[in-house]
Amino acid sequence: MVNLKNMSTRFLVTNTVRRVITALGCLLFVFSFIHPFYCVGLTVPGGRTSTYYWSYEYEYHVVADLRGSSSIYQSFSGYWFNPNLTIVPTINWALILLFTVQILTLMFGVAFIVSNGRALSFEPIMSSTAALVLMTYTAQVMSRNFYSNQYQLGYYLVYPSLAMFICAFLLNEVTRKMQATKPAKENKNIIPQF
């Protein structure tokens, strides 16, 4: 009887740890979502420009020596389908897909926290990996057209988030294997009565 209690306590602790790890992964992914994942910059006569990119918006800053500074913000469809931006029309499909994948990653992560579905345990891993691929692809396209470019915090935060999703997945698989072997062990301990 003590073993069964210990097993159920272990399952409870493991599921709680899995949920906490997934929640932390989602939190890091939210931070990656709200921080820019890429920045490009140009030095122009009389100043410099820098543009910060998210999946759903960009910020364009002009810093001039004597004329002051200005900023432009574009979001969602005004950003994805802006004909005045030379870079965005070639990658707007990737940015829209990136935005969609980021939303799906968060939805799957929250669903995995709430439920214990095996299929849901793998979805945050796949979608956050897809987000990394799309961010990298977008950055590669942008790096061909600008002099100074670099990944930003939003890009790097996806890596620890992905690691946490993988840990939660592995923990879920270990828990399932423990549950599968539990009835077999119980059956061995049963003494047949005649």
N, C-alpha and C. Protein backbone atom coordinates (compact mmCIF):
# COMPACT_ATOMS: atom_id res chain seq x y z
N MET A 1 0.82 -1.20 0.00
CA MET A 1 0.00 0.00 0.00
C MET A 1 0.86 1.26 0.00
N VAL A 2 1.99 1.22 0.68
CA VAL A 2 2.89 2.38 0.74
C VAL A 2 3.46 2.68 -0.63
N ASN A 3 3.78 1.61 -1.39
CA ASN A 3 4.34 1.81 -2.72
C ASN A 3 3.36 2.52 -3.64
N LEU A 4 2.08 2.14 -3.55
CA LEU A 4 1.08 2.80 -4.40
C LEU A 4 0.98 4.27 -4.05
N LYS A 5 1.02 4.58 -2.77
CA LYS A 5 0.94 5.98 -2.35
C LYS A 5 2.14 6.75 -2.86
N ASN A 6 3.32 6.15 -2.76
CA ASN A 6 4.52 6.79 -3.27
C ASN A 6 4.46 6.99 -4.78
N MET A 7 3.91 5.99 -5.49
CA MET A 7 3.78 6.11 -6.94
C MET A 7 2.84 7.26 -7.31
N SER A 8 1.69 7.35 -6.61
CA SER A 8 0.75 8.42 -6.94
C SER A 8 1.34 9.78 -6.56
N THR A 9 2.10 9.83 -5.48
CA THR A 9 2.76 11.08 -5.11
C THR A 9 3.79 11.47 -6.15
N ARG A 10 4.52 10.47 -6.64
CA ARG A 10 5.50 10.74 -7.70
C ARG A 10 4.84 11.28 -8.95
N PHE A 11 3.70 10.68 -9.34
CA PHE A 11 2.98 11.16 -10.52
C PHE A 11 2.50 12.59 -10.32
N LEU A 12 2.00 12.87 -9.12
CA LEU A 12 1.53 14.23 -8.82
C LEU A 12 2.67 15.24 -8.90
N VAL A 13 3.80 14.90 -8.30
CA VAL A 13 4.96 15.79 -8.32
C VAL A 13 5.47 15.96 -9.75
N THR A 14 5.56 14.86 -10.48
CA THR A 14 6.05 14.92 -11.86
C THR A 14 5.13 15.78 -12.72
N ASN A 15 3.83 15.60 -12.59
CA ASN A 15 2.90 16.42 -13.37
C ASN A 15 2.97 17.89 -12.98
N THR A 16 3.16 18.16 -11.70
CA THR A 16 3.29 19.55 -11.26
C THR A 16 4.56 20.17 -11.83
N VAL A 17 5.65 19.43 -11.76
CA VAL A 17 6.92 19.93 -12.33
C VAL A 17 6.78 20.16 -13.83
N ARG A 18 6.13 19.22 -14.53
CA ARG A 18 5.90 19.37 -15.97
C ARG A 18 5.12 20.64 -16.27
N ARG A 19 4.09 20.87 -15.49
CA ARG A 19 3.27 22.07 -15.71
C ARG A 19 4.07 23.35 -15.44
N VAL A 20 4.88 23.34 -14.39
CA VAL A 20 5.69 24.52 -14.06
C VAL A 20 6.72 24.78 -15.16
N ILE A 21 7.38 23.73 -15.63
CA ILE A 21 8.37 23.89 -16.69
C ILE A 21 7.71 24.42 -17.96
N THR A 22 6.56 23.89 -18.31
CA THR A 22 5.84 24.36 -19.50
C THR A 22 5.40 25.81 -19.32
N ALA A 23 4.94 26.17 -18.13
CA ALA A 23 4.54 27.55 -17.87
C ALA A 23 5.73 28.50 -18.00
N LEU A 24 6.88 28.10 -17.48
CA LEU A 24 8.09 28.92 -17.64
C LEU A 24 8.50 29.04 -19.10
N GLY A 25 8.37 27.94 -19.84
CA GLY A 25 8.66 27.98 -21.27
C GLY A 25 7.73 28.93 -22.00
N CYS A 26 6.45 28.91 -21.64
CA CYS A 26 5.48 29.84 -22.25
C CYS A 26 5.80 31.28 -21.89
N LEU A 27 6.19 31.50 -20.64
CA LEU A 27 6.54 32.85 -20.20
C LEU A 27 7.74 33.39 -20.98
N LEU A 28 8.77 32.57 -21.12
CA LEU A 28 9.92 32.98 -21.92
C LEU A 28 9.53 33.22 -23.37
N PHE A 29 8.63 32.39 -23.89
CA PHE A 29 8.19 32.57 -25.27
C PHE A 29 7.39 33.86 -25.42
N VAL A 30 6.61 34.22 -24.41
CA VAL A 30 5.89 35.51 -24.45
C VAL A 30 6.90 36.66 -24.50
N PHE A 31 7.97 36.57 -23.70
CA PHE A 31 8.99 37.61 -23.74
C PHE A 31 9.68 37.66 -25.10
N SER A 32 9.88 36.51 -25.72
CA SER A 32 10.48 36.51 -27.06
C SER A 32 9.53 37.12 -28.07
N PHE A 33 8.25 37.00 -27.80
CA PHE A 33 7.22 37.53 -28.71
C PHE A 33 7.12 39.05 -28.61
N ILE A 34 7.31 39.60 -27.41
CA ILE A 34 7.13 41.05 -27.24
C ILE A 34 8.42 41.83 -27.43
N HIS A 35 9.56 41.14 -27.54
CA HIS A 35 10.82 41.81 -27.84
C HIS A 35 11.14 41.62 -29.32
N PRO A 36 11.81 42.59 -29.94
CA PRO A 36 12.16 42.40 -31.35
C PRO A 36 13.13 41.23 -31.51
N PHE A 37 13.01 40.54 -32.64
CA PHE A 37 13.91 39.42 -32.87
C PHE A 37 15.06 39.81 -33.78
N TYR A 38 14.98 41.00 -34.39
CA TYR A 38 16.03 41.38 -35.34
C TYR A 38 16.13 42.88 -35.42
N CYS A 39 17.34 43.36 -35.69
CA CYS A 39 17.57 44.80 -35.85
C CYS A 39 18.51 45.00 -37.03
N VAL A 40 18.17 45.94 -37.87
CA VAL A 40 19.07 46.34 -38.95
C VAL A 40 19.36 47.82 -38.78
N GLY A 41 20.54 48.22 -39.18
CA GLY A 41 20.92 49.62 -39.05
C GLY A 41 21.72 50.09 -40.24
N LEU A 42 21.61 51.36 -40.53
CA LEU A 42 22.36 51.98 -41.62
C LEU A 42 22.96 53.27 -41.12
N THR A 43 24.14 53.56 -41.59
CA THR A 43 24.72 54.87 -41.36
C THR A 43 24.49 55.69 -42.61
N VAL A 44 23.80 56.79 -42.43
CA VAL A 44 23.46 57.66 -43.57
C VAL A 44 24.11 59.02 -43.33
N PRO A 45 24.33 59.79 -44.38
CA PRO A 45 24.92 61.12 -44.18
C PRO A 45 24.09 61.94 -43.20
N GLY A 46 24.74 62.45 -42.17
CA GLY A 46 24.06 63.28 -41.18
C GLY A 46 23.39 62.50 -40.07
N GLY A 47 23.58 61.21 -40.00
CA GLY A 47 22.95 60.45 -38.92
C GLY A 47 22.97 58.96 -39.18
N ARG A 48 22.05 58.28 -38.55
CA ARG A 48 21.95 56.83 -38.73
C ARG A 48 20.50 56.40 -38.53
N THR A 49 20.20 55.22 -39.02
CA THR A 49 18.85 54.67 -38.86
C THR A 49 18.97 53.28 -38.24
N SER A 50 17.94 52.89 -37.53
CA SER A 50 17.85 51.52 -37.04
C SER A 50 16.40 51.08 -37.11
N THR A 51 16.21 49.84 -37.47
CA THR A 51 14.87 49.29 -37.60
C THR A 51 14.81 48.00 -36.79
N TYR A 52 13.84 47.93 -35.89
CA TYR A 52 13.63 46.74 -35.06
C TYR A 52 12.42 45.99 -35.58
N TYR A 53 12.60 44.69 -35.75
CA TYR A 53 11.54 43.86 -36.35
C TYR A 53 10.98 42.86 -35.36
N TRP A 54 9.66 42.75 -35.35
CA TRP A 54 8.90 41.69 -34.71
C TRP A 54 8.20 40.92 -35.82
N SER A 55 7.46 39.91 -35.47
CA SER A 55 6.67 39.22 -36.49
C SER A 55 5.49 40.08 -36.92
N TYR A 56 5.03 40.95 -36.05
CA TYR A 56 3.79 41.69 -36.28
C TYR A 56 3.97 43.20 -36.42
N GLU A 57 5.19 43.73 -36.18
CA GLU A 57 5.42 45.17 -36.31
C GLU A 57 6.89 45.47 -36.48
N TYR A 58 7.14 46.72 -36.87
CA TYR A 58 8.52 47.19 -36.88
C TYR A 58 8.56 48.62 -36.40
N GLU A 59 9.73 49.02 -35.90
CA GLU A 59 9.99 50.40 -35.48
C GLU A 59 11.19 50.90 -36.27
N TYR A 60 11.00 52.02 -36.92
CA TYR A 60 12.07 52.61 -37.71
C TYR A 60 12.47 53.92 -37.03
N HIS A 61 13.73 54.03 -36.65
CA HIS A 61 14.23 55.22 -35.95
C HIS A 61 15.28 55.91 -36.81
N VAL A 62 15.14 57.21 -36.92
CA VAL A 62 16.16 58.03 -37.58
C VAL A 62 16.77 58.93 -36.52
N VAL A 63 18.08 58.85 -36.38
CA VAL A 63 18.79 59.72 -35.46
C VAL A 63 19.71 60.60 -36.30
N ALA A 64 19.38 61.87 -36.38
CA ALA A 64 20.18 62.81 -37.16
C ALA A 64 20.98 63.70 -36.21
N ASP A 65 22.11 64.16 -36.67
CA ASP A 65 22.98 64.98 -35.83
C ASP A 65 22.34 66.31 -35.47
N LEU A 66 21.87 67.05 -36.43
CA LEU A 66 21.35 68.39 -36.18
C LEU A 66 19.83 68.49 -36.26
N ARG A 67 19.22 67.61 -37.00
CA ARG A 67 17.78 67.73 -37.25
C ARG A 67 16.93 66.98 -36.23
N GLY A 68 17.52 66.40 -35.23
CA GLY A 68 16.73 65.66 -34.24
C GLY A 68 16.52 64.22 -34.66
N SER A 69 15.50 63.61 -34.10
CA SER A 69 15.22 62.21 -34.42
C SER A 69 13.73 62.03 -34.66
N SER A 70 13.39 60.92 -35.32
CA SER A 70 11.99 60.60 -35.56
C SER A 70 11.83 59.09 -35.60
N SER A 71 10.61 58.67 -35.44
CA SER A 71 10.32 57.23 -35.44
C SER A 71 9.06 56.95 -36.23
N ILE A 72 9.01 55.77 -36.82
CA ILE A 72 7.83 55.30 -37.54
C ILE A 72 7.51 53.91 -37.01
N TYR A 73 6.24 53.65 -36.75
CA TYR A 73 5.80 52.33 -36.29
C TYR A 73 4.77 51.81 -37.29
N GLN A 74 4.89 50.57 -37.66
CA GLN A 74 3.88 49.92 -38.50
C GLN A 74 3.53 48.58 -37.85
N SER A 75 2.24 48.26 -37.82
CA SER A 75 1.80 47.01 -37.19
C SER A 75 0.87 46.23 -38.10
N PHE A 76 0.89 44.94 -37.95
CA PHE A 76 -0.02 44.00 -38.59
C PHE A 76 -0.12 44.24 -40.09
N SER A 77 -1.31 44.43 -40.65
CA SER A 77 -1.43 44.50 -42.11
C SER A 77 -0.68 45.70 -42.68
N GLY A 78 -0.61 46.81 -41.92
CA GLY A 78 0.15 47.97 -42.40
C GLY A 78 1.64 47.68 -42.50
N TYR A 79 2.08 46.70 -41.75
CA TYR A 79 3.48 46.28 -41.78
C TYR A 79 3.68 45.18 -42.82
N TRP A 80 2.83 44.18 -42.80
CA TRP A 80 3.00 43.04 -43.70
C TRP A 80 2.80 43.40 -45.17
N PHE A 81 1.92 44.35 -45.44
CA PHE A 81 1.57 44.64 -46.83
C PHE A 81 1.91 46.07 -47.22
N ASN A 82 2.89 46.67 -46.56
CA ASN A 82 3.28 48.04 -46.85
C ASN A 82 4.12 48.08 -48.12
N PRO A 83 3.63 48.73 -49.20
CA PRO A 83 4.39 48.77 -50.45
C PRO A 83 5.62 49.68 -50.37
N ASN A 84 5.68 50.57 -49.37
CA ASN A 84 6.81 51.48 -49.24
C ASN A 84 8.04 50.82 -48.61
N LEU A 85 7.85 49.68 -47.98
CA LEU A 85 8.98 48.98 -47.39
C LEU A 85 9.57 48.04 -48.44
N THR A 86 10.84 48.24 -48.73
CA THR A 86 11.45 47.43 -49.78
C THR A 86 11.68 45.99 -49.35
N ILE A 87 11.89 45.76 -48.05
CA ILE A 87 12.22 44.42 -47.59
C ILE A 87 10.99 43.57 -47.29
N VAL A 88 9.94 44.16 -46.78
CA VAL A 88 8.82 43.38 -46.28
C VAL A 88 8.04 42.63 -47.36
N PRO A 89 7.77 43.25 -48.54
CA PRO A 89 6.99 42.49 -49.53
C PRO A 89 7.62 41.15 -49.94
N THR A 90 8.93 41.01 -49.84
CA THR A 90 9.54 39.74 -50.21
C THR A 90 9.44 38.69 -49.11
N ILE A 91 9.19 39.11 -47.88
CA ILE A 91 9.12 38.16 -46.77
C ILE A 91 7.83 38.26 -45.98
N ASN A 92 6.82 38.96 -46.51
CA ASN A 92 5.60 39.13 -45.73
C ASN A 92 4.95 37.79 -45.40
N TRP A 93 5.03 36.81 -46.28
CA TRP A 93 4.46 35.49 -45.99
C TRP A 93 5.17 34.86 -44.78
N ALA A 94 6.49 35.05 -44.69
CA ALA A 94 7.24 34.47 -43.57
C ALA A 94 6.89 35.17 -42.26
N LEU A 95 6.69 36.49 -42.31
CA LEU A 95 6.34 37.23 -41.10
C LEU A 95 4.93 36.88 -40.62
N ILE A 96 4.00 36.74 -41.56
CA ILE A 96 2.63 36.35 -41.18
C ILE A 96 2.63 34.94 -40.61
N LEU A 97 3.37 34.05 -41.25
CA LEU A 97 3.46 32.68 -40.75
C LEU A 97 4.15 32.63 -39.39
N LEU A 98 5.18 33.45 -39.21
CA LEU A 98 5.87 33.53 -37.92
C LEU A 98 4.91 33.99 -36.83
N PHE A 99 4.14 35.03 -37.10
CA PHE A 99 3.16 35.52 -36.13
C PHE A 99 2.16 34.42 -35.77
N THR A 100 1.67 33.71 -36.77
CA THR A 100 0.71 32.62 -36.55
C THR A 100 1.33 31.51 -35.71
N VAL A 101 2.56 31.14 -36.04
CA VAL A 101 3.25 30.07 -35.30
C VAL A 101 3.51 30.49 -33.86
N GLN A 102 3.84 31.76 -33.64
CA GLN A 102 4.06 32.23 -32.27
C GLN A 102 2.78 32.13 -31.45
N ILE A 103 1.67 32.53 -32.03
CA ILE A 103 0.38 32.43 -31.33
C ILE A 103 0.06 30.96 -31.05
N LEU A 104 0.26 30.09 -32.04
CA LEU A 104 -0.02 28.67 -31.85
C LEU A 104 0.87 28.05 -30.78
N THR A 105 2.13 28.46 -30.72
CA THR A 105 3.04 27.94 -29.70
C THR A 105 2.51 28.25 -28.31
N LEU A 106 2.08 29.48 -28.12
CA LEU A 106 1.54 29.86 -26.82
C LEU A 106 0.24 29.12 -26.51
N MET A 107 -0.61 28.96 -27.52
CA MET A 107 -1.87 28.23 -27.30
C MET A 107 -1.61 26.77 -26.95
N PHE A 108 -0.71 26.13 -27.68
CA PHE A 108 -0.39 24.72 -27.39
C PHE A 108 0.28 24.58 -26.02
N GLY A 109 1.13 25.53 -25.68
CA GLY A 109 1.78 25.49 -24.37
C GLY A 109 0.77 25.59 -23.24
N VAL A 110 -0.17 26.51 -23.35
CA VAL A 110 -1.20 26.67 -22.32
C VAL A 110 -2.10 25.42 -22.28
N ALA A 111 -2.44 24.89 -23.45
CA ALA A 111 -3.27 23.68 -23.49
C ALA A 111 -2.54 22.50 -22.84
N PHE A 112 -1.23 22.42 -23.01
CA PHE A 112 -0.46 21.34 -22.40
C PHE A 112 -0.37 21.50 -20.89
N ILE A 113 -0.36 22.75 -20.41
CA ILE A 113 -0.37 22.98 -18.97
C ILE A 113 -1.68 22.48 -18.36
N VAL A 114 -2.78 22.78 -19.05
CA VAL A 114 -4.10 22.44 -18.53
C VAL A 114 -4.40 20.95 -18.64
N SER A 115 -4.05 20.37 -19.80
CA SER A 115 -4.36 18.95 -20.01
C SER A 115 -3.08 18.13 -19.93
N ASN A 116 -3.24 16.86 -20.14
CA ASN A 116 -2.09 15.97 -20.09
C ASN A 116 -1.98 15.18 -21.39
N GLY A 117 -2.45 15.77 -22.48
CA GLY A 117 -2.48 15.07 -23.75
C GLY A 117 -1.10 14.84 -24.33
N ARG A 118 -0.88 13.65 -24.80
CA ARG A 118 0.43 13.32 -25.37
C ARG A 118 0.70 14.11 -26.64
N ALA A 119 -0.30 14.27 -27.49
CA ALA A 119 -0.11 15.04 -28.72
C ALA A 119 0.23 16.49 -28.40
N LEU A 120 -0.40 17.03 -27.38
CA LEU A 120 -0.13 18.42 -27.01
C LEU A 120 1.27 18.62 -26.45
N SER A 121 1.89 17.56 -25.94
CA SER A 121 3.23 17.70 -25.38
C SER A 121 4.28 17.95 -26.46
N PHE A 122 4.01 17.50 -27.66
CA PHE A 122 4.97 17.64 -28.76
C PHE A 122 4.74 18.92 -29.56
N GLU A 123 3.54 19.46 -29.55
CA GLU A 123 3.19 20.63 -30.37
C GLU A 123 4.01 21.88 -30.04
N PRO A 124 4.20 22.26 -28.76
CA PRO A 124 5.01 23.45 -28.49
C PRO A 124 6.45 23.33 -29.00
N ILE A 125 6.98 22.10 -28.98
CA ILE A 125 8.34 21.89 -29.50
C ILE A 125 8.37 22.16 -30.99
N MET A 126 7.43 21.58 -31.71
CA MET A 126 7.40 21.75 -33.17
C MET A 126 7.16 23.21 -33.56
N SER A 127 6.22 23.86 -32.91
CA SER A 127 5.89 25.23 -33.31
C SER A 127 6.97 26.22 -32.91
N SER A 128 7.61 26.03 -31.76
CA SER A 128 8.69 26.96 -31.40
C SER A 128 9.92 26.73 -32.27
N THR A 129 10.15 25.50 -32.70
CA THR A 129 11.22 25.24 -33.66
C THR A 129 10.91 25.91 -34.99
N ALA A 130 9.66 25.83 -35.42
CA ALA A 130 9.26 26.52 -36.66
C ALA A 130 9.44 28.02 -36.53
N ALA A 131 9.15 28.58 -35.35
CA ALA A 131 9.36 30.02 -35.14
C ALA A 131 10.83 30.38 -35.29
N LEU A 132 11.72 29.55 -34.73
CA LEU A 132 13.15 29.80 -34.88
C LEU A 132 13.59 29.75 -36.34
N VAL A 133 13.07 28.78 -37.07
CA VAL A 133 13.43 28.65 -38.49
C VAL A 133 12.95 29.88 -39.26
N LEU A 134 11.73 30.32 -39.00
CA LEU A 134 11.19 31.49 -39.70
C LEU A 134 11.94 32.77 -39.32
N MET A 135 12.32 32.92 -38.06
CA MET A 135 13.12 34.08 -37.65
C MET A 135 14.47 34.08 -38.36
N THR A 136 15.09 32.92 -38.42
CA THR A 136 16.40 32.81 -39.07
C THR A 136 16.29 33.09 -40.55
N TYR A 137 15.26 32.55 -41.19
CA TYR A 137 15.06 32.79 -42.62
C TYR A 137 14.86 34.28 -42.89
N THR A 138 13.99 34.91 -42.10
CA THR A 138 13.73 36.34 -42.26
C THR A 138 15.01 37.15 -42.08
N ALA A 139 15.79 36.81 -41.07
CA ALA A 139 17.04 37.52 -40.83
C ALA A 139 18.02 37.35 -41.98
N GLN A 140 18.05 36.16 -42.56
CA GLN A 140 18.94 35.92 -43.70
C GLN A 140 18.54 36.76 -44.90
N VAL A 141 17.26 36.88 -45.15
CA VAL A 141 16.79 37.71 -46.27
C VAL A 141 17.13 39.18 -46.01
N MET A 142 16.92 39.63 -44.78
CA MET A 142 17.20 41.03 -44.45
C MET A 142 18.69 41.34 -44.48
N SER A 143 19.51 40.38 -44.11
CA SER A 143 20.95 40.66 -44.03
C SER A 143 21.57 40.89 -45.39
N ARG A 144 20.90 40.52 -46.46
CA ARG A 144 21.41 40.77 -47.81
C ARG A 144 21.28 42.23 -48.23
N ASN A 145 20.39 42.96 -47.56
CA ASN A 145 20.07 44.32 -48.01
C ASN A 145 20.59 45.42 -47.09
N PHE A 146 21.11 45.09 -45.92
CA PHE A 146 21.53 46.11 -44.98
C PHE A 146 22.97 45.89 -44.55
N TYR A 147 23.60 46.96 -44.10
CA TYR A 147 25.00 46.89 -43.71
C TYR A 147 25.20 46.30 -42.32
N SER A 148 24.42 46.74 -41.39
CA SER A 148 24.59 46.29 -40.01
C SER A 148 23.31 45.60 -39.58
N ASN A 149 23.43 44.38 -39.14
CA ASN A 149 22.24 43.65 -38.70
C ASN A 149 22.63 42.69 -37.59
N GLN A 150 21.68 42.43 -36.73
CA GLN A 150 21.97 41.53 -35.61
C GLN A 150 20.68 40.98 -35.03
N TYR A 151 20.80 39.77 -34.49
CA TYR A 151 19.67 39.19 -33.77
C TYR A 151 19.49 39.93 -32.45
N GLN A 152 18.26 39.99 -32.02
CA GLN A 152 17.91 40.68 -30.79
C GLN A 152 17.40 39.69 -29.75
N LEU A 153 17.02 40.22 -28.59
CA LEU A 153 16.62 39.40 -27.45
C LEU A 153 15.48 38.44 -27.78
N GLY A 154 14.52 38.90 -28.58
CA GLY A 154 13.38 38.05 -28.93
C GLY A 154 13.79 36.75 -29.59
N TYR A 155 14.85 36.79 -30.38
CA TYR A 155 15.36 35.59 -31.05
C TYR A 155 16.00 34.64 -30.04
N TYR A 156 16.83 35.18 -29.18
CA TYR A 156 17.58 34.34 -28.25
C TYR A 156 16.72 33.72 -27.15
N LEU A 157 15.62 34.37 -26.80
CA LEU A 157 14.74 33.83 -25.76
C LEU A 157 13.98 32.58 -26.21
N VAL A 158 13.90 32.36 -27.51
CA VAL A 158 13.20 31.16 -27.99
C VAL A 158 13.99 29.90 -27.62
N TYR A 159 15.31 30.00 -27.56
CA TYR A 159 16.13 28.83 -27.26
C TYR A 159 15.87 28.25 -25.86
N PRO A 160 15.92 29.05 -24.79
CA PRO A 160 15.59 28.46 -23.48
C PRO A 160 14.13 28.03 -23.39
N SER A 161 13.26 28.74 -24.09
CA SER A 161 11.86 28.34 -24.12
C SER A 161 11.72 26.96 -24.76
N LEU A 162 12.39 26.76 -25.88
CA LEU A 162 12.36 25.46 -26.56
C LEU A 162 12.95 24.37 -25.66
N ALA A 163 14.03 24.68 -24.95
CA ALA A 163 14.63 23.70 -24.03
C ALA A 163 13.64 23.30 -22.94
N MET A 164 12.87 24.25 -22.44
CA MET A 164 11.88 23.94 -21.40
C MET A 164 10.74 23.10 -21.96
N PHE A 165 10.31 23.39 -23.19
CA PHE A 165 9.27 22.57 -23.82
C PHE A 165 9.77 21.14 -24.01
N ILE A 166 11.04 20.98 -24.38
CA ILE A 166 11.61 19.64 -24.56
C ILE A 166 11.68 18.92 -23.22
N CYS A 167 12.10 19.61 -22.17
CA CYS A 167 12.15 19.00 -20.83
C CYS A 167 10.76 18.56 -20.37
N ALA A 168 9.76 19.40 -20.61
CA ALA A 168 8.39 19.04 -20.22
C ALA A 168 7.90 17.83 -21.02
N PHE A 169 8.25 17.78 -22.29
CA PHE A 169 7.88 16.64 -23.13
C PHE A 169 8.51 15.36 -22.60
N LEU A 170 9.83 15.41 -22.30
CA LEU A 170 10.52 14.23 -21.79
C LEU A 170 9.97 13.80 -20.44
N LEU A 171 9.66 14.77 -19.59
CA LEU A 171 9.06 14.46 -18.30
C LEU A 171 7.70 13.80 -18.47
N ASN A 172 6.94 14.27 -19.43
CA ASN A 172 5.63 13.68 -19.72
C ASN A 172 5.78 12.24 -20.21
N GLU A 173 6.79 12.00 -21.05
CA GLU A 173 7.02 10.64 -21.56
C GLU A 173 7.45 9.70 -20.44
N VAL A 174 8.31 10.17 -19.54
CA VAL A 174 8.74 9.35 -18.40
C VAL A 174 7.54 9.02 -17.52
N THR A 175 6.68 10.00 -17.29
CA THR A 175 5.48 9.77 -16.47
C THR A 175 4.58 8.73 -17.11
N ARG A 176 4.41 8.82 -18.41
CA ARG A 176 3.56 7.86 -19.12
C ARG A 176 4.14 6.44 -19.04
N LYS A 177 5.45 6.35 -19.16
CA LYS A 177 6.08 5.01 -19.06
C LYS A 177 5.93 4.45 -17.66
N MET A 178 6.04 5.33 -16.67
CA MET A 178 5.86 4.88 -15.29
C MET A 178 4.42 4.41 -15.07
N GLN A 179 3.46 5.11 -15.65
CA GLN A 179 2.06 4.71 -15.52
C GLN A 179 1.80 3.40 -16.24
N ALA A 180 2.47 3.19 -17.37
CA ALA A 180 2.27 1.96 -18.12
C ALA A 180 2.85 0.75 -17.40
N THR A 181 3.95 0.94 -16.69
CA THR A 181 4.56 -0.18 -15.96
C THR A 181 3.92 -0.41 -14.61
N LYS A 182 3.20 0.55 -14.10
CA LYS A 182 2.57 0.44 -12.78
C LYS A 182 1.57 -0.72 -12.70
N PRO A 183 0.63 -0.87 -13.65
CA PRO A 183 -0.31 -2.00 -13.55
C PRO A 183 0.40 -3.35 -13.67
N ALA A 184 1.45 -3.43 -14.45
CA ALA A 184 2.17 -4.69 -14.59
C ALA A 184 2.80 -5.08 -13.25
N LYS A 185 3.37 -4.11 -12.53
CA LYS A 185 3.97 -4.39 -11.23
C LYS A 185 2.89 -4.79 -10.21
N GLU A 186 1.75 -4.13 -10.29
CA GLU A 186 0.67 -4.45 -9.36
C GLU A 186 0.19 -5.88 -9.58
N ASN A 187 0.09 -6.31 -10.83
CA ASN A 187 -0.39 -7.65 -11.15
C ASN A 187 0.58 -8.73 -10.66
N LYS A 188 1.86 -8.43 -10.63
CA LYS A 188 2.84 -9.42 -10.17
C LYS A 188 2.71 -9.65 -8.66
N ASN A 189 2.27 -8.62 -7.93
CA ASN A 189 2.18 -8.72 -6.48
C ASN A 189 0.88 -9.37 -6.00
N ILE A 190 -0.03 -9.59 -6.93
CA ILE A 190 -1.31 -10.21 -6.53
C ILE A 190 -1.11 -11.69 -6.31
N ILE A 191 -1.56 -12.17 -5.16
CA ILE A 191 -1.46 -13.61 -4.85
C ILE A 191 -2.83 -14.23 -5.17
N PRO A 192 -2.82 -15.18 -6.06
CA PRO A 192 -4.11 -15.80 -6.41
C PRO A 192 -4.72 -16.54 -5.22
N GLN A 193 -6.00 -16.37 -5.03
CA GLN A 193 -6.68 -17.04 -3.94
C GLN A 193 -7.60 -18.11 -4.51
N PHE A 194 -7.56 -19.26 -3.88
CA PHE A 194 -8.38 -20.39 -4.34
C PHE A 194 -9.48 -20.67 -3.38
